[in-house]
């Protein structure tokens, strides 16, 4: 992530917490990249409870964050949702 992107993402946080999920697609994409890279290791499988435990450290709406990460292609999961994996 570039220095500009890092600065733009850091502006979304106050005291380590996300103030609001970005509405603009480009800004949300930068945020999701930051979230995936900082919370989830490449090549490791995560259960849904593990994902749900990590996401509230950033924002209380973990289901919305999880959905954005999956829809955006940052996390993958099978249809049954049994396991999550960082995709990029």
PDB file of N, CA and C in Angstrom:
ATOM      1  N   UNK A   1       0.847  -1.172   0.000  1.00  0.00           N
ATOM      2  CA  UNK A   1       0.000   0.000   0.000  1.00  0.00           C
ATOM      3  C   UNK A   1       0.892   1.233   0.000  1.00  0.00           C
ATOM      4  N   UNK A   2       0.571   2.235  -0.815  1.00  0.00           N
ATOM      5  CA  UNK A   2       1.392   3.434  -0.932  1.00  0.00           C
ATOM      6  C   UNK A   2       1.236   4.328   0.299  1.00  0.00           C
ATOM      7  N   UNK A   3       2.146   5.273   0.458  1.00  0.00           N
ATOM      8  CA  UNK A   3       2.093   6.194   1.594  1.00  0.00           C
ATOM      9  C   UNK A   3       0.805   7.018   1.557  1.00  0.00           C
ATOM     10  N   UNK A   4       0.380   7.429   0.358  1.00  0.00           N
ATOM     11  CA  UNK A   4      -0.865   8.187   0.223  1.00  0.00           C
ATOM     12  C   UNK A   4      -2.051   7.350   0.668  1.00  0.00           C
ATOM     13  N   UNK A   5      -2.108   6.107   0.216  1.00  0.00           N
ATOM     14  CA  UNK A   5      -3.202   5.214   0.595  1.00  0.00           C
ATOM     15  C   UNK A   5      -3.213   4.979   2.093  1.00  0.00           C
ATOM     16  N   UNK A   6      -2.024   4.785   2.679  1.00  0.00           N
ATOM     17  CA  UNK A   6      -1.924   4.565   4.121  1.00  0.00           C
ATOM     18  C   UNK A   6      -2.449   5.772   4.875  1.00  0.00           C
ATOM     19  N   UNK A   7      -2.097   6.971   4.420  1.00  0.00           N
ATOM     20  CA  UNK A   7      -2.585   8.193   5.068  1.00  0.00           C
ATOM     21  C   UNK A   7      -4.105   8.296   4.950  1.00  0.00           C
ATOM     22  N   UNK A   8      -4.636   8.014   3.750  1.00  0.00           N
ATOM     23  CA  UNK A   8      -6.088   8.092   3.546  1.00  0.00           C
ATOM     24  C   UNK A   8      -6.821   7.086   4.427  1.00  0.00           C
ATOM     25  N   UNK A   9      -6.268   5.889   4.572  1.00  0.00           N
ATOM     26  CA  UNK A   9      -6.894   4.872   5.424  1.00  0.00           C
ATOM     27  C   UNK A   9      -6.803   5.293   6.880  1.00  0.00           C
ATOM     28  N   UNK A  10      -5.672   5.813   7.309  1.00  0.00           N
ATOM     29  CA  UNK A  10      -5.531   6.205   8.716  1.00  0.00           C
ATOM     30  C   UNK A  10      -6.514   7.317   9.085  1.00  0.00           C
ATOM     31  N   UNK A  11      -6.918   8.136   8.118  1.00  0.00           N
ATOM     32  CA  UNK A  11      -7.892   9.197   8.371  1.00  0.00           C
ATOM     33  C   UNK A  11      -9.274   8.640   8.707  1.00  0.00           C
ATOM     34  N   UNK A  12      -9.520   7.370   8.414  1.00  0.00           N
ATOM     35  CA  UNK A  12     -10.806   6.742   8.708  1.00  0.00           C
ATOM     36  C   UNK A  12     -10.925   6.284  10.158  1.00  0.00           C
ATOM     37  N   UNK A  13      -9.808   6.340  10.891  1.00  0.00           N
ATOM     38  CA  UNK A  13      -9.762   5.813  12.247  1.00  0.00           C
ATOM     39  C   UNK A  13      -9.629   6.916  13.288  1.00  0.00           C
ATOM     40  N   UNK A  14     -10.189   6.662  14.449  1.00  0.00           N
ATOM     41  CA  UNK A  14     -10.023   7.520  15.613  1.00  0.00           C
ATOM     42  C   UNK A  14      -9.757   6.620  16.800  1.00  0.00           C
ATOM     43  N   UNK A  15      -8.611   6.793  17.423  1.00  0.00           N
ATOM     44  CA  UNK A  15      -8.213   5.967  18.574  1.00  0.00           C
ATOM     45  C   UNK A  15      -8.224   4.474  18.252  1.00  0.00           C
ATOM     46  N   UNK A  16      -7.780   4.141  17.035  1.00  0.00           N
ATOM     47  CA  UNK A  16      -7.672   2.748  16.626  1.00  0.00           C
ATOM     48  C   UNK A  16      -8.971   2.105  16.165  1.00  0.00           C
ATOM     49  N   UNK A  17     -10.054   2.869  16.152  1.00  0.00           N
ATOM     50  CA  UNK A  17     -11.356   2.336  15.744  1.00  0.00           C
ATOM     51  C   UNK A  17     -11.825   3.045  14.478  1.00  0.00           C
ATOM     52  N   UNK A  18     -12.464   2.278  13.604  1.00  0.00           N
ATOM     53  CA  UNK A  18     -13.029   2.831  12.379  1.00  0.00           C
ATOM     54  C   UNK A  18     -14.203   3.724  12.757  1.00  0.00           C
ATOM     55  N   UNK A  19     -14.210   4.957  12.251  1.00  0.00           N
ATOM     56  CA  UNK A  19     -15.303   5.868  12.590  1.00  0.00           C
ATOM     57  C   UNK A  19     -16.566   5.551  11.797  1.00  0.00           C
ATOM     58  N   UNK A  20     -16.416   5.127  10.542  1.00  0.00           N
ATOM     59  CA  UNK A  20     -17.548   4.724   9.701  1.00  0.00           C
ATOM     60  C   UNK A  20     -17.009   3.922   8.521  1.00  0.00           C
ATOM     61  N   UNK A  21     -17.774   2.946   8.075  1.00  0.00           N
ATOM     62  CA  UNK A  21     -17.391   2.173   6.895  1.00  0.00           C
ATOM     63  C   UNK A  21     -17.500   3.111   5.691  1.00  0.00           C
ATOM     64  N   UNK A  22     -16.425   3.251   4.910  1.00  0.00           N
ATOM     65  CA  UNK A  22     -16.451   4.174   3.772  1.00  0.00           C
ATOM     66  C   UNK A  22     -17.570   3.835   2.778  1.00  0.00           C
ATOM     67  N   UNK A  23     -18.249   4.861   2.311  1.00  0.00           N
ATOM     68  CA  UNK A  23     -19.331   4.669   1.329  1.00  0.00           C
ATOM     69  C   UNK A  23     -18.801   4.659  -0.099  1.00  0.00           C
ATOM     70  N   UNK A  24     -17.801   5.512  -0.375  1.00  0.00           N
ATOM     71  CA  UNK A  24     -17.231   5.555  -1.726  1.00  0.00           C
ATOM     72  C   UNK A  24     -16.471   4.268  -1.992  1.00  0.00           C
ATOM     73  N   UNK A  25     -16.724   3.675  -3.141  1.00  0.00           N
ATOM     74  CA  UNK A  25     -16.138   2.377  -3.484  1.00  0.00           C
ATOM     75  C   UNK A  25     -14.613   2.399  -3.456  1.00  0.00           C
ATOM     76  N   UNK A  26     -13.996   3.430  -4.007  1.00  0.00           N
ATOM     77  CA  UNK A  26     -12.529   3.490  -4.058  1.00  0.00           C
ATOM     78  C   UNK A  26     -11.940   3.585  -2.657  1.00  0.00           C
ATOM     79  N   UNK A  27     -12.533   4.376  -1.808  1.00  0.00           N
ATOM     80  CA  UNK A  27     -12.048   4.515  -0.428  1.00  0.00           C
ATOM     81  C   UNK A  27     -12.284   3.225   0.352  1.00  0.00           C
ATOM     82  N   UNK A  28     -13.443   2.606   0.134  1.00  0.00           N
ATOM     83  CA  UNK A  28     -13.749   1.336   0.813  1.00  0.00           C
ATOM     84  C   UNK A  28     -12.756   0.254   0.383  1.00  0.00           C
ATOM     85  N   UNK A  29     -12.377   0.240  -0.892  1.00  0.00           N
ATOM     86  CA  UNK A  29     -11.408  -0.737  -1.396  1.00  0.00           C
ATOM     87  C   UNK A  29     -10.054  -0.551  -0.708  1.00  0.00           C
ATOM     88  N   UNK A  30      -9.614   0.684  -0.544  1.00  0.00           N
ATOM     89  CA  UNK A  30      -8.362   0.952   0.178  1.00  0.00           C
ATOM     90  C   UNK A  30      -8.467   0.456   1.620  1.00  0.00           C
ATOM     91  N   UNK A  31      -9.584   0.734   2.245  1.00  0.00           N
ATOM     92  CA  UNK A  31      -9.790   0.306   3.620  1.00  0.00           C
ATOM     93  C   UNK A  31      -9.798  -1.222   3.731  1.00  0.00           C
ATOM     94  N   UNK A  32     -10.505  -1.898   2.812  1.00  0.00           N
ATOM     95  CA  UNK A  32     -10.573  -3.364   2.863  1.00  0.00           C
ATOM     96  C   UNK A  32      -9.201  -3.995   2.643  1.00  0.00           C
ATOM     97  N   UNK A  33      -8.403  -3.405   1.765  1.00  0.00           N
ATOM     98  CA  UNK A  33      -7.034  -3.898   1.561  1.00  0.00           C
ATOM     99  C   UNK A  33      -6.252  -3.796   2.859  1.00  0.00           C
ATOM    100  N   UNK A  34      -6.358  -2.666   3.520  1.00  0.00           N
ATOM    101  CA  UNK A  34      -5.675  -2.463   4.801  1.00  0.00           C
ATOM    102  C   UNK A  34      -6.160  -3.478   5.837  1.00  0.00           C
ATOM    103  N   UNK A  35      -7.463  -3.663   5.909  1.00  0.00           N
ATOM    104  CA  UNK A  35      -8.055  -4.580   6.877  1.00  0.00           C
ATOM    105  C   UNK A  35      -7.586  -6.014   6.636  1.00  0.00           C
ATOM    106  N   UNK A  36      -7.668  -6.463   5.405  1.00  0.00           N
ATOM    107  CA  UNK A  36      -7.250  -7.832   5.074  1.00  0.00           C
ATOM    108  C   UNK A  36      -5.772  -8.043   5.389  1.00  0.00           C
ATOM    109  N   UNK A  37      -4.944  -7.075   5.010  1.00  0.00           N
ATOM    110  CA  UNK A  37      -3.501  -7.213   5.215  1.00  0.00           C
ATOM    111  C   UNK A  37      -3.102  -7.132   6.680  1.00  0.00           C
ATOM    112  N   UNK A  38      -3.844  -6.382   7.479  1.00  0.00           N
ATOM    113  CA  UNK A  38      -3.465  -6.222   8.879  1.00  0.00           C
ATOM    114  C   UNK A  38      -4.083  -7.264   9.815  1.00  0.00           C
ATOM    115  N   UNK A  39      -5.214  -7.840   9.444  1.00  0.00           N
ATOM    116  CA  UNK A  39      -5.885  -8.790  10.345  1.00  0.00           C
ATOM    117  C   UNK A  39      -5.737 -10.256   9.954  1.00  0.00           C
ATOM    118  N   UNK A  40      -5.481 -10.539   8.669  1.00  0.00           N
ATOM    119  CA  UNK A  40      -5.506 -11.927   8.205  1.00  0.00           C
ATOM    120  C   UNK A  40      -4.213 -12.302   7.484  1.00  0.00           C
ATOM    121  N   UNK A  41      -3.609 -13.396   7.914  1.00  0.00           N
ATOM    122  CA  UNK A  41      -2.373 -13.882   7.310  1.00  0.00           C
ATOM    123  C   UNK A  41      -2.671 -14.582   5.987  1.00  0.00           C
ATOM    124  N   UNK A  42      -1.792 -14.373   5.033  1.00  0.00           N
ATOM    125  CA  UNK A  42      -1.890 -15.057   3.734  1.00  0.00           C
ATOM    126  C   UNK A  42      -1.666 -16.560   3.953  1.00  0.00           C
ATOM    127  N   UNK A  43      -2.479 -17.402   3.316  1.00  0.00           N
ATOM    128  CA  UNK A  43      -2.287 -18.850   3.364  1.00  0.00           C
ATOM    129  C   UNK A  43      -2.828 -19.548   4.601  1.00  0.00           C
ATOM    130  N   UNK A  44      -3.470 -18.827   5.497  1.00  0.00           N
ATOM    131  CA  UNK A  44      -4.026 -19.432   6.704  1.00  0.00           C
ATOM    132  C   UNK A  44      -5.545 -19.500   6.601  1.00  0.00           C
ATOM    133  N   UNK A  45      -6.115 -20.625   7.060  1.00  0.00           N
ATOM    134  CA  UNK A  45      -7.572 -20.763   7.117  1.00  0.00           C
ATOM    135  C   UNK A  45      -8.082 -20.189   8.437  1.00  0.00           C
ATOM    136  N   UNK A  46      -9.238 -19.544   8.370  1.00  0.00           N
ATOM    137  CA  UNK A  46      -9.893 -18.969   9.544  1.00  0.00           C
ATOM    138  C   UNK A  46     -11.312 -19.503   9.619  1.00  0.00           C
ATOM    139  N   UNK A  47     -11.759 -19.843  10.808  1.00  0.00           N
ATOM    140  CA  UNK A  47     -13.164 -20.204  11.002  1.00  0.00           C
ATOM    141  C   UNK A  47     -13.973 -18.911  11.081  1.00  0.00           C
ATOM    142  N   UNK A  48     -15.278 -19.019  10.915  1.00  0.00           N
ATOM    143  CA  UNK A  48     -16.118 -17.822  11.020  1.00  0.00           C
ATOM    144  C   UNK A  48     -15.996 -17.184  12.404  1.00  0.00           C
ATOM    145  N   UNK A  49     -15.966 -17.966  13.495  1.00  0.00           N
ATOM    146  CA  UNK A  49     -15.767 -17.330  14.801  1.00  0.00           C
ATOM    147  C   UNK A  49     -14.438 -16.569  14.906  1.00  0.00           C
ATOM    148  N   UNK A  50     -13.386 -17.062  14.265  1.00  0.00           N
ATOM    149  CA  UNK A  50     -12.103 -16.341  14.286  1.00  0.00           C
ATOM    150  C   UNK A  50     -12.200 -15.021  13.528  1.00  0.00           C
ATOM    151  N   UNK A  51     -12.879 -15.042  12.387  1.00  0.00           N
ATOM    152  CA  UNK A  51     -13.087 -13.811  11.620  1.00  0.00           C
ATOM    153  C   UNK A  51     -13.939 -12.845  12.445  1.00  0.00           C
ATOM    154  N   UNK A  52     -14.994 -13.366  13.049  1.00  0.00           N
ATOM    155  CA  UNK A  52     -15.881 -12.533  13.865  1.00  0.00           C
ATOM    156  C   UNK A  52     -15.179 -11.977  15.097  1.00  0.00           C
ATOM    157  N   UNK A  53     -14.176 -12.647  15.580  1.00  0.00           N
ATOM    158  CA  UNK A  53     -13.408 -12.163  16.733  1.00  0.00           C
ATOM    159  C   UNK A  53     -12.436 -11.060  16.317  1.00  0.00           C
ATOM    160  N   UNK A  54     -11.871 -11.151  15.126  1.00  0.00           N
ATOM    161  CA  UNK A  54     -10.900 -10.150  14.665  1.00  0.00           C
ATOM    162  C   UNK A  54     -11.569  -8.835  14.251  1.00  0.00           C
ATOM    163  N   UNK A  55     -12.692  -8.903  13.567  1.00  0.00           N
ATOM    164  CA  UNK A  55     -13.298  -7.704  12.983  1.00  0.00           C
ATOM    165  C   UNK A  55     -13.811  -6.677  13.994  1.00  0.00           C
ATOM    166  N   UNK A  56     -14.409  -7.078  15.116  1.00  0.00           N
ATOM    167  CA  UNK A  56     -14.882  -6.056  16.065  1.00  0.00           C
ATOM    168  C   UNK A  56     -13.766  -5.247  16.726  1.00  0.00           C
ATOM    169  N   UNK A  57     -12.517  -5.668  16.559  1.00  0.00           N
ATOM    170  CA  UNK A  57     -11.413  -4.855  17.077  1.00  0.00           C
ATOM    171  C   UNK A  57     -11.296  -3.551  16.300  1.00  0.00           C
ATOM    172  N   UNK A  58     -11.924  -3.515  15.110  1.00  0.00           N
ATOM    173  CA  UNK A  58     -11.874  -2.345  14.240  1.00  0.00           C
ATOM    174  C   UNK A  58     -13.208  -1.592  14.238  1.00  0.00           C
ATOM    175  N   UNK A  59     -14.326  -2.336  14.173  1.00  0.00           N
ATOM    176  CA  UNK A  59     -15.663  -1.728  14.062  1.00  0.00           C
ATOM    177  C   UNK A  59     -16.693  -2.725  14.567  1.00  0.00           C
ATOM    178  N   UNK A  60     -17.755  -2.232  15.187  1.00  0.00           N
ATOM    179  CA  UNK A  60     -18.751  -3.135  15.800  1.00  0.00           C
ATOM    180  C   UNK A  60     -19.582  -3.931  14.793  1.00  0.00           C
ATOM    181  N   UNK A  61     -19.710  -3.471  13.565  1.00  0.00           N
ATOM    182  CA  UNK A  61     -20.525  -4.182  12.578  1.00  0.00           C
ATOM    183  C   UNK A  61     -19.672  -5.217  11.831  1.00  0.00           C
ATOM    184  N   UNK A  62     -19.335  -6.305  12.534  1.00  0.00           N
ATOM    185  CA  UNK A  62     -18.435  -7.301  11.939  1.00  0.00           C
ATOM    186  C   UNK A  62     -19.089  -8.031  10.768  1.00  0.00           C
ATOM    187  N   UNK A  63     -20.401  -8.197  10.776  1.00  0.00           N
ATOM    188  CA  UNK A  63     -21.044  -8.900   9.662  1.00  0.00           C
ATOM    189  C   UNK A  63     -20.942  -8.082   8.369  1.00  0.00           C
ATOM    190  N   UNK A  64     -21.074  -6.761   8.463  1.00  0.00           N
ATOM    191  CA  UNK A  64     -20.930  -5.915   7.263  1.00  0.00           C
ATOM    192  C   UNK A  64     -19.489  -5.952   6.766  1.00  0.00           C
ATOM    193  N   UNK A  65     -18.532  -5.860   7.677  1.00  0.00           N
ATOM    194  CA  UNK A  65     -17.124  -5.917   7.272  1.00  0.00           C
ATOM    195  C   UNK A  65     -16.797  -7.255   6.631  1.00  0.00           C
ATOM    196  N   UNK A  66     -17.285  -8.341   7.229  1.00  0.00           N
ATOM    197  CA  UNK A  66     -17.036  -9.686   6.680  1.00  0.00           C
ATOM    198  C   UNK A  66     -17.618  -9.796   5.266  1.00  0.00           C
ATOM    199  N   UNK A  67     -18.833  -9.301   5.094  1.00  0.00           N
ATOM    200  CA  UNK A  67     -19.500  -9.341   3.785  1.00  0.00           C
ATOM    201  C   UNK A  67     -18.709  -8.518   2.757  1.00  0.00           C
ATOM    202  N   UNK A  68     -18.290  -7.308   3.113  1.00  0.00           N
ATOM    203  CA  UNK A  68     -17.498  -6.481   2.201  1.00  0.00           C
ATOM    204  C   UNK A  68     -16.187  -7.165   1.829  1.00  0.00           C
ATOM    205  N   UNK A  69     -15.540  -7.828   2.786  1.00  0.00           N
ATOM    206  CA  UNK A  69     -14.281  -8.525   2.502  1.00  0.00           C
ATOM    207  C   UNK A  69     -14.490  -9.684   1.531  1.00  0.00           C
ATOM    208  N   UNK A  70     -15.585 -10.409   1.689  1.00  0.00           N
ATOM    209  CA  UNK A  70     -15.873 -11.545   0.803  1.00  0.00           C
ATOM    210  C   UNK A  70     -16.314 -11.055  -0.574  1.00  0.00           C
ATOM    211  N   UNK A  71     -17.245 -10.135  -0.618  1.00  0.00           N
ATOM    212  CA  UNK A  71     -17.746  -9.617  -1.900  1.00  0.00           C
ATOM    213  C   UNK A  71     -16.622  -8.915  -2.667  1.00  0.00           C
ATOM    214  N   UNK A  72     -15.744  -8.224  -1.953  1.00  0.00           N
ATOM    215  CA  UNK A  72     -14.636  -7.518  -2.585  1.00  0.00           C
ATOM    216  C   UNK A  72     -13.486  -8.417  -3.005  1.00  0.00           C
ATOM    217  N   UNK A  73     -13.572  -9.693  -2.651  1.00  0.00           N
ATOM    218  CA  UNK A  73     -12.538 -10.638  -3.050  1.00  0.00           C
ATOM    219  C   UNK A  73     -11.313 -10.658  -2.151  1.00  0.00           C
ATOM    220  N   UNK A  74     -11.397 -10.033  -0.985  1.00  0.00           N
ATOM    221  CA  UNK A  74     -10.258 -10.035  -0.053  1.00  0.00           C
ATOM    222  C   UNK A  74     -10.222 -11.300   0.792  1.00  0.00           C
ATOM    223  N   UNK A  75     -11.389 -11.859   1.077  1.00  0.00           N
ATOM    224  CA  UNK A  75     -11.488 -13.152   1.753  1.00  0.00           C
ATOM    225  C   UNK A  75     -12.317 -14.071   0.871  1.00  0.00           C
ATOM    226  N   UNK A  76     -11.942 -15.345   0.845  1.00  0.00           N
ATOM    227  CA  UNK A  76     -12.752 -16.334   0.128  1.00  0.00           C
ATOM    228  C   UNK A  76     -13.329 -17.305   1.140  1.00  0.00           C
ATOM    229  N   UNK A  77     -14.427 -17.939   0.743  1.00  0.00           N
ATOM    230  CA  UNK A  77     -15.044 -18.971   1.579  1.00  0.00           C
ATOM    231  C   UNK A  77     -15.879 -19.875   0.691  1.00  0.00           C
ATOM    232  N   UNK A  78     -16.011 -21.141   1.094  1.00  0.00           N
ATOM    233  CA  UNK A  78     -16.900 -22.028   0.339  1.00  0.00           C
ATOM    234  C   UNK A  78     -18.359 -21.649   0.632  1.00  0.00           C
ATOM    235  N   UNK A  79     -19.255 -22.219  -0.135  1.00  0.00           N
ATOM    236  CA  UNK A  79     -20.689 -21.922   0.033  1.00  0.00           C
ATOM    237  C   UNK A  79     -21.178 -22.148   1.461  1.00  0.00           C
ATOM    238  N   UNK A  80     -20.639 -23.158   2.128  1.00  0.00           N
ATOM    239  CA  UNK A  80     -21.108 -23.451   3.489  1.00  0.00           C
ATOM    240  C   UNK A  80     -20.503 -22.514   4.536  1.00  0.00           C
ATOM    241  N   UNK A  81     -19.568 -21.643   4.150  1.00  0.00           N
ATOM    242  CA  UNK A  81     -18.999 -20.678   5.067  1.00  0.00           C
ATOM    243  C   UNK A  81     -18.141 -21.290   6.165  1.00  0.00           C
ATOM    244  N   UNK A  82     -17.674 -22.513   5.939  1.00  0.00           N
ATOM    245  CA  UNK A  82     -16.963 -23.239   6.980  1.00  0.00           C
ATOM    246  C   UNK A  82     -15.557 -22.698   7.242  1.00  0.00           C
ATOM    247  N   UNK A  83     -14.961 -22.078   6.239  1.00  0.00           N
ATOM    248  CA  UNK A  83     -13.600 -21.595   6.389  1.00  0.00           C
ATOM    249  C   UNK A  83     -13.402 -20.337   5.530  1.00  0.00           C
ATOM    250  N   UNK A  84     -12.604 -19.421   6.053  1.00  0.00           N
ATOM    251  CA  UNK A  84     -12.275 -18.182   5.330  1.00  0.00           C
ATOM    252  C   UNK A  84     -10.780 -18.174   5.109  1.00  0.00           C
ATOM    253  N   UNK A  85     -10.364 -17.550   3.996  1.00  0.00           N
ATOM    254  CA  UNK A  85      -8.937 -17.476   3.661  1.00  0.00           C
ATOM    255  C   UNK A  85      -8.705 -16.146   2.944  1.00  0.00           C
ATOM    256  N   UNK A  86      -7.612 -15.489   3.305  1.00  0.00           N
ATOM    257  CA  UNK A  86      -7.250 -14.244   2.624  1.00  0.00           C
ATOM    258  C   UNK A  86      -6.878 -14.560   1.183  1.00  0.00           C
ATOM    259  N   UNK A  87      -7.519 -13.873   0.244  1.00  0.00           N
ATOM    260  CA  UNK A  87      -7.340 -14.172  -1.174  1.00  0.00           C
ATOM    261  C   UNK A  87      -6.240 -13.354  -1.822  1.00  0.00           C
ATOM    262  N   UNK A  88      -5.978 -12.166  -1.353  1.00  0.00           N
ATOM    263  CA  UNK A  88      -4.949 -11.335  -1.975  1.00  0.00           C
ATOM    264  C   UNK A  88      -4.067 -10.716  -0.922  1.00  0.00           C
TER     265      UNK A  88
END
